[in-house]
């Protein structure tokens, strides 16, 4: 027997929903059973649409299922899950369509005091906004997730979300904010039960903070931040290869010497100091700005 199409199952679901919604609403007894049955029918349609790779139709069917389940107090948990499934389906065709169901899922979690579920959906929202190029909203959601996870004592997860926010801040040219958040990441790395084991990650966070502040391309500001904030976060940093590199780069910024800046990086890159994409992006920006200043001067 061939499987029913998504459209055929959707028609059945809509008929079931119409029957469930007729005659007024009371959230108990047979009425509740009809609502649950309609919701399940919409889920069947959504699953069929997914098999057909009709993602937008699948998303809309999931939303309809969520709206039905939200009417029954005992099914609200499942409603949140259906909204999340809708977002996943929509994301396959248009990230913008996935925003609203995720926001609805988060709102229901807040109403039902299910705080522990919010970071999961908040992170998905942050990723969506980042995909869409809306970095400010992405940062906002990453930070909200970090705050919730910190409050719940999940410092490792909080550190990851805040690091994602900091990297986007650096990408937007918000260098001081990025540096501050990376230093907070270092504190989070060391504050959990696995503190000693997380020390290498904390070192990277401090290095990211130091690299971020170089984006200001202003020697007094960079040096002051290094002395007042970086040294305070990690007193050993200044004597390590990464710290010595930062000092040399600040000196090169002071002299507006892009060649000295480039040579300092090349001398240690891949041997004493590993440079990742985030750090490399900021270093390239600073180098190009110094080179442009030299051209303007000449």
C-alpha atoms as a PDB file:
ATOM      1  CA  UNK A   1       0.000   0.000   0.000  1.00  0.00           C
ATOM      2  CA  UNK A   2       1.585   3.310  -1.061  1.00  0.00           C
ATOM      3  CA  UNK A   3       2.311   5.904   1.573  1.00  0.00           C
ATOM      4  CA  UNK A   4      -0.066   8.838   1.698  1.00  0.00           C
ATOM      5  CA  UNK A   5       1.286  12.129   0.444  1.00  0.00           C
ATOM      6  CA  UNK A   6       1.920  15.079   2.672  1.00  0.00           C
ATOM      7  CA  UNK A   7      -0.916  16.983   1.020  1.00  0.00           C
ATOM      8  CA  UNK A   8      -3.375  14.146   1.657  1.00  0.00           C
ATOM      9  CA  UNK A   9      -2.329  13.865   5.294  1.00  0.00           C
ATOM     10  CA  UNK A  10      -2.505  17.634   5.701  1.00  0.00           C
ATOM     11  CA  UNK A  11      -6.094  17.637   4.440  1.00  0.00           C
ATOM     12  CA  UNK A  12      -6.974  15.009   7.059  1.00  0.00           C
ATOM     13  CA  UNK A  13      -5.212  17.034   9.757  1.00  0.00           C
ATOM     14  CA  UNK A  14      -7.055  20.204   8.817  1.00  0.00           C
ATOM     15  CA  UNK A  15     -10.365  18.326   8.954  1.00  0.00           C
ATOM     16  CA  UNK A  16      -9.463  16.932  12.387  1.00  0.00           C
ATOM     17  CA  UNK A  17      -8.469  20.392  13.604  1.00  0.00           C
ATOM     18  CA  UNK A  18     -11.747  21.867  12.386  1.00  0.00           C
ATOM     19  CA  UNK A  19     -13.673  19.216  14.308  1.00  0.00           C
ATOM     20  CA  UNK A  20     -11.564  19.766  17.434  1.00  0.00           C
ATOM     21  CA  UNK A  21     -12.041  23.534  17.325  1.00  0.00           C
ATOM     22  CA  UNK A  22     -15.791  23.487  16.812  1.00  0.00           C
ATOM     23  CA  UNK A  23     -18.286  24.065  19.613  1.00  0.00           C
ATOM     24  CA  UNK A  24     -16.107  26.085  22.002  1.00  0.00           C
ATOM     25  CA  UNK A  25     -12.971  25.071  23.843  1.00  0.00           C
ATOM     26  CA  UNK A  26     -12.562  23.228  27.130  1.00  0.00           C
ATOM     27  CA  UNK A  27      -9.166  21.770  27.920  1.00  0.00           C
ATOM     28  CA  UNK A  28     -10.356  18.386  29.212  1.00  0.00           C
ATOM     29  CA  UNK A  29     -12.248  15.230  28.293  1.00  0.00           C
ATOM     30  CA  UNK A  30     -13.103  14.265  24.699  1.00  0.00           C
ATOM     31  CA  UNK A  31     -12.308  17.779  23.462  1.00  0.00           C
ATOM     32  CA  UNK A  32      -8.728  17.405  24.633  1.00  0.00           C
ATOM     33  CA  UNK A  33      -8.485  14.024  22.916  1.00  0.00           C
ATOM     34  CA  UNK A  34      -9.663  15.578  19.635  1.00  0.00           C
ATOM     35  CA  UNK A  35      -7.055  18.317  19.899  1.00  0.00           C
ATOM     36  CA  UNK A  36      -4.288  15.781  20.534  1.00  0.00           C
ATOM     37  CA  UNK A  37      -5.490  13.684  17.605  1.00  0.00           C
ATOM     38  CA  UNK A  38      -5.430  16.721  15.307  1.00  0.00           C
ATOM     39  CA  UNK A  39      -1.937  17.600  16.476  1.00  0.00           C
ATOM     40  CA  UNK A  40      -0.730  14.068  15.741  1.00  0.00           C
ATOM     41  CA  UNK A  41      -2.326  14.277  12.302  1.00  0.00           C
ATOM     42  CA  UNK A  42      -0.358  17.446  11.566  1.00  0.00           C
ATOM     43  CA  UNK A  43       2.813  15.672  12.727  1.00  0.00           C
ATOM     44  CA  UNK A  44       2.079  12.822  10.311  1.00  0.00           C
ATOM     45  CA  UNK A  45       1.746  15.367   7.510  1.00  0.00           C
ATOM     46  CA  UNK A  46       4.990  17.046   8.551  1.00  0.00           C
ATOM     47  CA  UNK A  47       6.837  13.718   8.503  1.00  0.00           C
ATOM     48  CA  UNK A  48       5.475  12.940   5.048  1.00  0.00           C
ATOM     49  CA  UNK A  49       6.551  16.338   3.758  1.00  0.00           C
ATOM     50  CA  UNK A  50      10.031  15.750   5.170  1.00  0.00           C
ATOM     51  CA  UNK A  51      10.228  12.456   3.270  1.00  0.00           C
ATOM     52  CA  UNK A  52       9.234  14.401   0.157  1.00  0.00           C
ATOM     53  CA  UNK A  53      11.849  17.056   1.019  1.00  0.00           C
ATOM     54  CA  UNK A  54       9.089  19.662   0.926  1.00  0.00           C
ATOM     55  CA  UNK A  55      10.703  21.530   3.788  1.00  0.00           C
ATOM     56  CA  UNK A  56       8.563  24.653   3.896  1.00  0.00           C
ATOM     57  CA  UNK A  57       5.355  22.615   3.899  1.00  0.00           C
ATOM     58  CA  UNK A  58       6.843  20.412   6.618  1.00  0.00           C
ATOM     59  CA  UNK A  59       7.638  23.476   8.690  1.00  0.00           C
ATOM     60  CA  UNK A  60       4.114  24.822   8.389  1.00  0.00           C
ATOM     61  CA  UNK A  61       2.640  21.459   9.378  1.00  0.00           C
ATOM     62  CA  UNK A  62       4.897  21.365  12.443  1.00  0.00           C
ATOM     63  CA  UNK A  63       3.730  24.859  13.390  1.00  0.00           C
ATOM     64  CA  UNK A  64       0.105  23.738  13.112  1.00  0.00           C
ATOM     65  CA  UNK A  65       0.883  20.740  15.331  1.00  0.00           C
ATOM     66  CA  UNK A  66       2.548  23.021  17.874  1.00  0.00           C
ATOM     67  CA  UNK A  67      -0.411  25.401  17.905  1.00  0.00           C
ATOM     68  CA  UNK A  68      -2.776  22.521  18.605  1.00  0.00           C
ATOM     69  CA  UNK A  69      -0.600  21.024  21.343  1.00  0.00           C
ATOM     70  CA  UNK A  70      -0.185  24.429  22.991  1.00  0.00           C
ATOM     71  CA  UNK A  71      -3.927  24.430  23.724  1.00  0.00           C
ATOM     72  CA  UNK A  72      -3.572  21.481  26.106  1.00  0.00           C
ATOM     73  CA  UNK A  73      -1.591  22.098  29.280  1.00  0.00           C
ATOM     74  CA  UNK A  74      -0.192  18.565  29.402  1.00  0.00           C
ATOM     75  CA  UNK A  75       1.068  18.817  25.802  1.00  0.00           C
ATOM     76  CA  UNK A  76       2.910  22.130  25.997  1.00  0.00           C
ATOM     77  CA  UNK A  77       6.279  20.381  26.268  1.00  0.00           C
ATOM     78  CA  UNK A  78       5.524  18.636  22.971  1.00  0.00           C
ATOM     79  CA  UNK A  79       4.405  21.952  21.471  1.00  0.00           C
ATOM     80  CA  UNK A  80       7.852  23.396  22.136  1.00  0.00           C
ATOM     81  CA  UNK A  81       9.446  20.387  20.435  1.00  0.00           C
ATOM     82  CA  UNK A  82       7.172  20.826  17.410  1.00  0.00           C
ATOM     83  CA  UNK A  83       8.115  24.502  17.104  1.00  0.00           C
ATOM     84  CA  UNK A  84      11.774  23.466  17.164  1.00  0.00           C
ATOM     85  CA  UNK A  85      11.111  20.858  14.464  1.00  0.00           C
ATOM     86  CA  UNK A  86       9.409  23.540  12.382  1.00  0.00           C
ATOM     87  CA  UNK A  87      12.474  25.743  12.672  1.00  0.00           C
ATOM     88  CA  UNK A  88      14.724  22.891  11.556  1.00  0.00           C
ATOM     89  CA  UNK A  89      12.567  22.264   8.484  1.00  0.00           C
ATOM     90  CA  UNK A  90      12.324  25.959   7.583  1.00  0.00           C
ATOM     91  CA  UNK A  91      16.064  26.390   7.991  1.00  0.00           C
ATOM     92  CA  UNK A  92      16.631  23.997   5.092  1.00  0.00           C
ATOM     93  CA  UNK A  93      15.040  26.495   2.685  1.00  0.00           C
ATOM     94  CA  UNK A  94      15.021  29.921   4.358  1.00  0.00           C
ATOM     95  CA  UNK A  95      16.676  30.766   7.707  1.00  0.00           C
ATOM     96  CA  UNK A  96      14.381  33.776   8.076  1.00  0.00           C
ATOM     97  CA  UNK A  97      11.341  31.494   8.336  1.00  0.00           C
ATOM     98  CA  UNK A  98      12.962  29.591  11.219  1.00  0.00           C
ATOM     99  CA  UNK A  99      13.198  32.648  13.471  1.00  0.00           C
ATOM    100  CA  UNK A 100       9.551  32.919  14.549  1.00  0.00           C
ATOM    101  CA  UNK A 101       8.999  29.272  15.607  1.00  0.00           C
ATOM    102  CA  UNK A 102      12.205  29.319  17.647  1.00  0.00           C
ATOM    103  CA  UNK A 103      11.143  32.550  19.329  1.00  0.00           C
ATOM    104  CA  UNK A 104       7.775  30.946  20.075  1.00  0.00           C
ATOM    105  CA  UNK A 105       9.492  27.892  21.562  1.00  0.00           C
ATOM    106  CA  UNK A 106      11.601  30.118  23.801  1.00  0.00           C
ATOM    107  CA  UNK A 107       8.577  32.158  24.879  1.00  0.00           C
ATOM    108  CA  UNK A 108       6.731  29.000  25.891  1.00  0.00           C
ATOM    109  CA  UNK A 109       9.782  27.811  27.841  1.00  0.00           C
ATOM    110  CA  UNK A 110       9.794  31.122  29.702  1.00  0.00           C
ATOM    111  CA  UNK A 111       6.070  30.919  30.431  1.00  0.00           C
ATOM    112  CA  UNK A 112       6.414  27.361  31.728  1.00  0.00           C
ATOM    113  CA  UNK A 113       9.622  28.126  33.655  1.00  0.00           C
ATOM    114  CA  UNK A 114      11.648  25.625  31.626  1.00  0.00           C
ATOM    115  CA  UNK A 115      14.836  27.695  31.724  1.00  0.00           C
ATOM    116  CA  UNK A 116      17.063  24.719  31.011  1.00  0.00           C
ATOM    117  CA  UNK A 117      15.643  24.404  27.473  1.00  0.00           C
ATOM    118  CA  UNK A 118      16.146  28.041  26.485  1.00  0.00           C
ATOM    119  CA  UNK A 119      19.914  27.913  25.772  1.00  0.00           C
ATOM    120  CA  UNK A 120      19.418  25.102  23.253  1.00  0.00           C
ATOM    121  CA  UNK A 121      16.960  27.122  21.192  1.00  0.00           C
ATOM    122  CA  UNK A 122      18.725  30.411  21.873  1.00  0.00           C
ATOM    123  CA  UNK A 123      21.916  29.008  20.385  1.00  0.00           C
ATOM    124  CA  UNK A 124      20.000  27.950  17.285  1.00  0.00           C
ATOM    125  CA  UNK A 125      18.639  31.494  17.001  1.00  0.00           C
ATOM    126  CA  UNK A 126      22.147  32.914  17.334  1.00  0.00           C
ATOM    127  CA  UNK A 127      23.388  30.606  14.581  1.00  0.00           C
ATOM    128  CA  UNK A 128      20.480  31.597  12.338  1.00  0.00           C
ATOM    129  CA  UNK A 129      21.094  35.304  12.815  1.00  0.00           C
ATOM    130  CA  UNK A 130      24.780  34.753  12.112  1.00  0.00           C
ATOM    131  CA  UNK A 131      23.943  32.907   8.868  1.00  0.00           C
ATOM    132  CA  UNK A 132      21.718  35.816   7.866  1.00  0.00           C
ATOM    133  CA  UNK A 133      24.462  38.363   8.583  1.00  0.00           C
ATOM    134  CA  UNK A 134      22.582  39.890  11.528  1.00  0.00           C
ATOM    135  CA  UNK A 135      25.584  39.702  13.834  1.00  0.00           C
ATOM    136  CA  UNK A 136      24.221  42.013  16.525  1.00  0.00           C
ATOM    137  CA  UNK A 137      21.227  39.780  17.162  1.00  0.00           C
ATOM    138  CA  UNK A 138      23.505  36.750  17.005  1.00  0.00           C
ATOM    139  CA  UNK A 139      25.703  38.274  19.715  1.00  0.00           C
ATOM    140  CA  UNK A 140      22.632  39.130  21.787  1.00  0.00           C
ATOM    141  CA  UNK A 141      21.408  35.547  21.788  1.00  0.00           C
ATOM    142  CA  UNK A 142      24.831  34.006  22.391  1.00  0.00           C
ATOM    143  CA  UNK A 143      25.212  36.262  25.419  1.00  0.00           C
ATOM    144  CA  UNK A 144      21.736  35.487  26.722  1.00  0.00           C
ATOM    145  CA  UNK A 145      22.543  31.777  26.485  1.00  0.00           C
ATOM    146  CA  UNK A 146      25.851  32.327  28.277  1.00  0.00           C
ATOM    147  CA  UNK A 147      24.101  34.204  31.073  1.00  0.00           C
ATOM    148  CA  UNK A 148      21.504  31.465  31.565  1.00  0.00           C
ATOM    149  CA  UNK A 149      24.126  28.720  31.551  1.00  0.00           C
ATOM    150  CA  UNK A 150      26.304  30.634  34.005  1.00  0.00           C
ATOM    151  CA  UNK A 151      23.325  31.065  36.327  1.00  0.00           C
ATOM    152  CA  UNK A 152      22.738  27.300  36.195  1.00  0.00           C
ATOM    153  CA  UNK A 153      26.403  26.550  36.950  1.00  0.00           C
ATOM    154  CA  UNK A 154      27.157  25.178  33.484  1.00  0.00           C
ATOM    155  CA  UNK A 155      30.354  27.160  33.071  1.00  0.00           C
ATOM    156  CA  UNK A 156      31.808  25.144  30.210  1.00  0.00           C
ATOM    157  CA  UNK A 157      28.726  25.699  28.055  1.00  0.00           C
ATOM    158  CA  UNK A 158      28.567  29.347  29.085  1.00  0.00           C
ATOM    159  CA  UNK A 159      32.176  29.840  28.069  1.00  0.00           C
ATOM    160  CA  UNK A 160      31.481  28.389  24.607  1.00  0.00           C
ATOM    161  CA  UNK A 161      28.519  30.664  23.964  1.00  0.00           C
ATOM    162  CA  UNK A 162      30.349  33.761  25.192  1.00  0.00           C
ATOM    163  CA  UNK A 163      33.371  32.900  23.043  1.00  0.00           C
ATOM    164  CA  UNK A 164      31.088  32.738  20.003  1.00  0.00           C
ATOM    165  CA  UNK A 165      29.729  36.182  20.894  1.00  0.00           C
ATOM    166  CA  UNK A 166      33.223  37.596  21.382  1.00  0.00           C
ATOM    167  CA  UNK A 167      34.407  36.294  18.013  1.00  0.00           C
ATOM    168  CA  UNK A 168      31.473  37.997  16.283  1.00  0.00           C
ATOM    169  CA  UNK A 169      32.166  41.228  18.178  1.00  0.00           C
ATOM    170  CA  UNK A 170      35.717  41.151  16.866  1.00  0.00           C
ATOM    171  CA  UNK A 171      34.392  40.550  13.367  1.00  0.00           C
ATOM    172  CA  UNK A 172      32.155  43.624  13.730  1.00  0.00           C
ATOM    173  CA  UNK A 173      35.071  45.798  14.849  1.00  0.00           C
ATOM    174  CA  UNK A 174      33.914  45.885  18.478  1.00  0.00           C
ATOM    175  CA  UNK A 175      37.440  45.130  19.630  1.00  0.00           C
ATOM    176  CA  UNK A 176      37.253  46.263  23.240  1.00  0.00           C
ATOM    177  CA  UNK A 177      33.980  44.400  23.810  1.00  0.00           C
ATOM    178  CA  UNK A 178      35.495  41.290  22.231  1.00  0.00           C
ATOM    179  CA  UNK A 179      38.579  41.548  24.437  1.00  0.00           C
ATOM    180  CA  UNK A 180      36.488  41.986  27.584  1.00  0.00           C
ATOM    181  CA  UNK A 181      34.323  38.992  26.729  1.00  0.00           C
ATOM    182  CA  UNK A 182      37.305  36.777  25.931  1.00  0.00           C
ATOM    183  CA  UNK A 183      38.769  37.615  29.345  1.00  0.00           C
ATOM    184  CA  UNK A 184      35.442  36.650  30.898  1.00  0.00           C
ATOM    185  CA  UNK A 185      35.699  33.388  28.948  1.00  0.00           C
ATOM    186  CA  UNK A 186      39.068  32.769  30.584  1.00  0.00           C
ATOM    187  CA  UNK A 187      37.505  33.226  34.018  1.00  0.00           C
ATOM    188  CA  UNK A 188      34.700  30.826  33.139  1.00  0.00           C
ATOM    189  CA  UNK A 189      37.226  28.285  31.867  1.00  0.00           C
ATOM    190  CA  UNK A 190      38.935  28.203  35.252  1.00  0.00           C
ATOM    191  CA  UNK A 191      35.878  28.506  37.485  1.00  0.00           C
ATOM    192  CA  UNK A 192      34.324  25.076  36.971  1.00  0.00           C
ATOM    193  CA  UNK A 193      35.208  21.753  38.520  1.00  0.00           C
ATOM    194  CA  UNK A 194      37.577  21.010  35.627  1.00  0.00           C
ATOM    195  CA  UNK A 195      39.444  24.286  36.142  1.00  0.00           C
ATOM    196  CA  UNK A 196      43.040  22.947  35.974  1.00  0.00           C
ATOM    197  CA  UNK A 197      42.257  20.845  32.906  1.00  0.00           C
ATOM    198  CA  UNK A 198      40.786  23.934  31.221  1.00  0.00           C
ATOM    199  CA  UNK A 199      43.899  26.042  31.729  1.00  0.00           C
ATOM    200  CA  UNK A 200      45.100  25.690  28.092  1.00  0.00           C
ATOM    201  CA  UNK A 201      41.699  26.933  26.915  1.00  0.00           C
ATOM    202  CA  UNK A 202      41.887  29.856  29.343  1.00  0.00           C
ATOM    203  CA  UNK A 203      45.322  30.695  27.913  1.00  0.00           C
ATOM    204  CA  UNK A 204      43.811  30.801  24.439  1.00  0.00           C
ATOM    205  CA  UNK A 205      41.023  33.066  25.682  1.00  0.00           C
ATOM    206  CA  UNK A 206      43.581  35.507  27.102  1.00  0.00           C
ATOM    207  CA  UNK A 207      45.515  35.427  23.820  1.00  0.00           C
ATOM    208  CA  UNK A 208      42.286  36.093  21.915  1.00  0.00           C
ATOM    209  CA  UNK A 209      41.621  39.075  24.170  1.00  0.00           C
ATOM    210  CA  UNK A 210      45.102  40.455  23.532  1.00  0.00           C
ATOM    211  CA  UNK A 211      44.750  39.960  19.776  1.00  0.00           C
ATOM    212  CA  UNK A 212      41.316  41.597  19.815  1.00  0.00           C
ATOM    213  CA  UNK A 213      42.520  44.788  21.459  1.00  0.00           C
ATOM    214  CA  UNK A 214      45.171  45.184  18.746  1.00  0.00           C
ATOM    215  CA  UNK A 215      42.276  45.911  16.401  1.00  0.00           C
ATOM    216  CA  UNK A 216      42.101  49.393  17.906  1.00  0.00           C
ATOM    217  CA  UNK A 217      45.438  50.079  16.171  1.00  0.00           C
ATOM    218  CA  UNK A 218      46.172  52.617  18.887  1.00  0.00           C
ATOM    219  CA  UNK A 219      49.381  52.046  20.847  1.00  0.00           C
ATOM    220  CA  UNK A 220      48.422  53.818  24.101  1.00  0.00           C
ATOM    221  CA  UNK A 221      45.068  52.021  24.302  1.00  0.00           C
ATOM    222  CA  UNK A 222      46.569  48.644  23.413  1.00  0.00           C
ATOM    223  CA  UNK A 223      49.415  48.989  25.910  1.00  0.00           C
ATOM    224  CA  UNK A 224      47.118  50.191  28.698  1.00  0.00           C
ATOM    225  CA  UNK A 225      44.763  47.267  28.145  1.00  0.00           C
ATOM    226  CA  UNK A 226      47.679  44.856  28.109  1.00  0.00           C
ATOM    227  CA  UNK A 227      49.083  46.191  31.380  1.00  0.00           C
ATOM    228  CA  UNK A 228      45.797  46.701  33.222  1.00  0.00           C
ATOM    229  CA  UNK A 229      43.651  43.815  31.996  1.00  0.00           C
ATOM    230  CA  UNK A 230      45.733  41.103  30.342  1.00  0.00           C
ATOM    231  CA  UNK A 231      48.377  40.969  33.073  1.00  0.00           C
ATOM    232  CA  UNK A 232      45.667  40.916  35.720  1.00  0.00           C
ATOM    233  CA  UNK A 233      43.897  37.994  34.042  1.00  0.00           C
ATOM    234  CA  UNK A 234      47.117  35.993  33.574  1.00  0.00           C
ATOM    235  CA  UNK A 235      50.297  37.297  35.266  1.00  0.00           C
ATOM    236  CA  UNK A 236      52.389  34.705  33.398  1.00  0.00           C
ATOM    237  CA  UNK A 237      51.178  35.722  29.942  1.00  0.00           C
ATOM    238  CA  UNK A 238      53.674  38.544  29.359  1.00  0.00           C
ATOM    239  CA  UNK A 239      56.612  36.133  29.666  1.00  0.00           C
ATOM    240  CA  UNK A 240      55.161  33.489  27.372  1.00  0.00           C
ATOM    241  CA  UNK A 241      55.637  33.430  23.562  1.00  0.00           C
ATOM    242  CA  UNK A 242      52.116  34.754  22.962  1.00  0.00           C
ATOM    243  CA  UNK A 243      52.617  37.633  25.384  1.00  0.00           C
ATOM    244  CA  UNK A 244      56.022  38.484  23.947  1.00  0.00           C
ATOM    245  CA  UNK A 245      54.492  38.540  20.471  1.00  0.00           C
ATOM    246  CA  UNK A 246      51.769  40.935  21.626  1.00  0.00           C
ATOM    247  CA  UNK A 247      54.389  43.275  23.111  1.00  0.00           C
ATOM    248  CA  UNK A 248      56.302  43.302  19.825  1.00  0.00           C
ATOM    249  CA  UNK A 249      53.137  43.975  17.870  1.00  0.00           C
ATOM    250  CA  UNK A 250      52.215  46.893  20.122  1.00  0.00           C
ATOM    251  CA  UNK A 251      55.711  48.312  19.545  1.00  0.00           C
ATOM    252  CA  UNK A 252      55.201  47.948  15.781  1.00  0.00           C
ATOM    253  CA  UNK A 253      51.860  49.760  16.048  1.00  0.00           C
ATOM    254  CA  UNK A 254      53.596  52.557  17.942  1.00  0.00           C
ATOM    255  CA  UNK A 255      56.100  52.923  15.107  1.00  0.00           C
ATOM    256  CA  UNK A 256      53.416  52.463  12.407  1.00  0.00           C
ATOM    257  CA  UNK A 257      55.761  49.813  11.002  1.00  0.00           C
ATOM    258  CA  UNK A 258      53.799  47.182   9.087  1.00  0.00           C
ATOM    259  CA  UNK A 259      57.005  45.340   8.136  1.00  0.00           C
ATOM    260  CA  UNK A 260      58.058  44.908  11.765  1.00  0.00           C
ATOM    261  CA  UNK A 261      54.501  43.826  12.557  1.00  0.00           C
ATOM    262  CA  UNK A 262      54.547  41.190   9.820  1.00  0.00           C
ATOM    263  CA  UNK A 263      58.041  39.959  10.724  1.00  0.00           C
ATOM    264  CA  UNK A 264      57.079  39.520  14.378  1.00  0.00           C
ATOM    265  CA  UNK A 265      54.153  37.305  13.418  1.00  0.00           C
ATOM    266  CA  UNK A 266      56.108  35.281  10.858  1.00  0.00           C
ATOM    267  CA  UNK A 267      58.933  34.659  13.335  1.00  0.00           C
ATOM    268  CA  UNK A 268      56.724  32.627  15.670  1.00  0.00           C
ATOM    269  CA  UNK A 269      53.715  31.526  13.619  1.00  0.00           C
ATOM    270  CA  UNK A 270      53.369  27.758  13.437  1.00  0.00           C
ATOM    271  CA  UNK A 271      56.307  27.147  15.774  1.00  0.00           C
ATOM    272  CA  UNK A 272      55.933  28.938  19.095  1.00  0.00           C
ATOM    273  CA  UNK A 273      52.493  30.420  18.494  1.00  0.00           C
ATOM    274  CA  UNK A 274      49.523  28.951  16.644  1.00  0.00           C
ATOM    275  CA  UNK A 275      47.365  31.534  14.858  1.00  0.00           C
ATOM    276  CA  UNK A 276      43.747  30.573  14.133  1.00  0.00           C
ATOM    277  CA  UNK A 277      41.356  32.169  11.643  1.00  0.00           C
ATOM    278  CA  UNK A 278      39.914  34.673  14.126  1.00  0.00           C
ATOM    279  CA  UNK A 279      43.338  35.859  15.243  1.00  0.00           C
ATOM    280  CA  UNK A 280      44.657  35.868  11.692  1.00  0.00           C
ATOM    281  CA  UNK A 281      41.760  38.021  10.538  1.00  0.00           C
ATOM    282  CA  UNK A 282      42.479  40.732  13.099  1.00  0.00           C
ATOM    283  CA  UNK A 283      46.244  40.594  12.523  1.00  0.00           C
ATOM    284  CA  UNK A 284      45.675  40.995   8.789  1.00  0.00           C
ATOM    285  CA  UNK A 285      43.370  43.958   9.434  1.00  0.00           C
ATOM    286  CA  UNK A 286      45.967  45.675  11.630  1.00  0.00           C
ATOM    287  CA  UNK A 287      48.765  45.004   9.129  1.00  0.00           C
ATOM    288  CA  UNK A 288      46.731  46.434   6.254  1.00  0.00           C
ATOM    289  CA  UNK A 289      45.785  49.500   8.271  1.00  0.00           C
ATOM    290  CA  UNK A 290      49.427  50.153   9.171  1.00  0.00           C
ATOM    291  CA  UNK A 291      50.400  49.736   5.516  1.00  0.00           C
ATOM    292  CA  UNK A 292      47.675  52.174   4.456  1.00  0.00           C
ATOM    293  CA  UNK A 293      48.887  54.712   7.017  1.00  0.00           C
ATOM    294  CA  UNK A 294      52.406  54.437   5.615  1.00  0.00           C
ATOM    295  CA  UNK A 295      51.119  55.020   2.089  1.00  0.00           C
ATOM    296  CA  UNK A 296      49.170  58.070   3.222  1.00  0.00           C
ATOM    297  CA  UNK A 297      52.231  59.407   5.004  1.00  0.00           C
ATOM    298  CA  UNK A 298      54.464  58.941   1.979  1.00  0.00           C
END
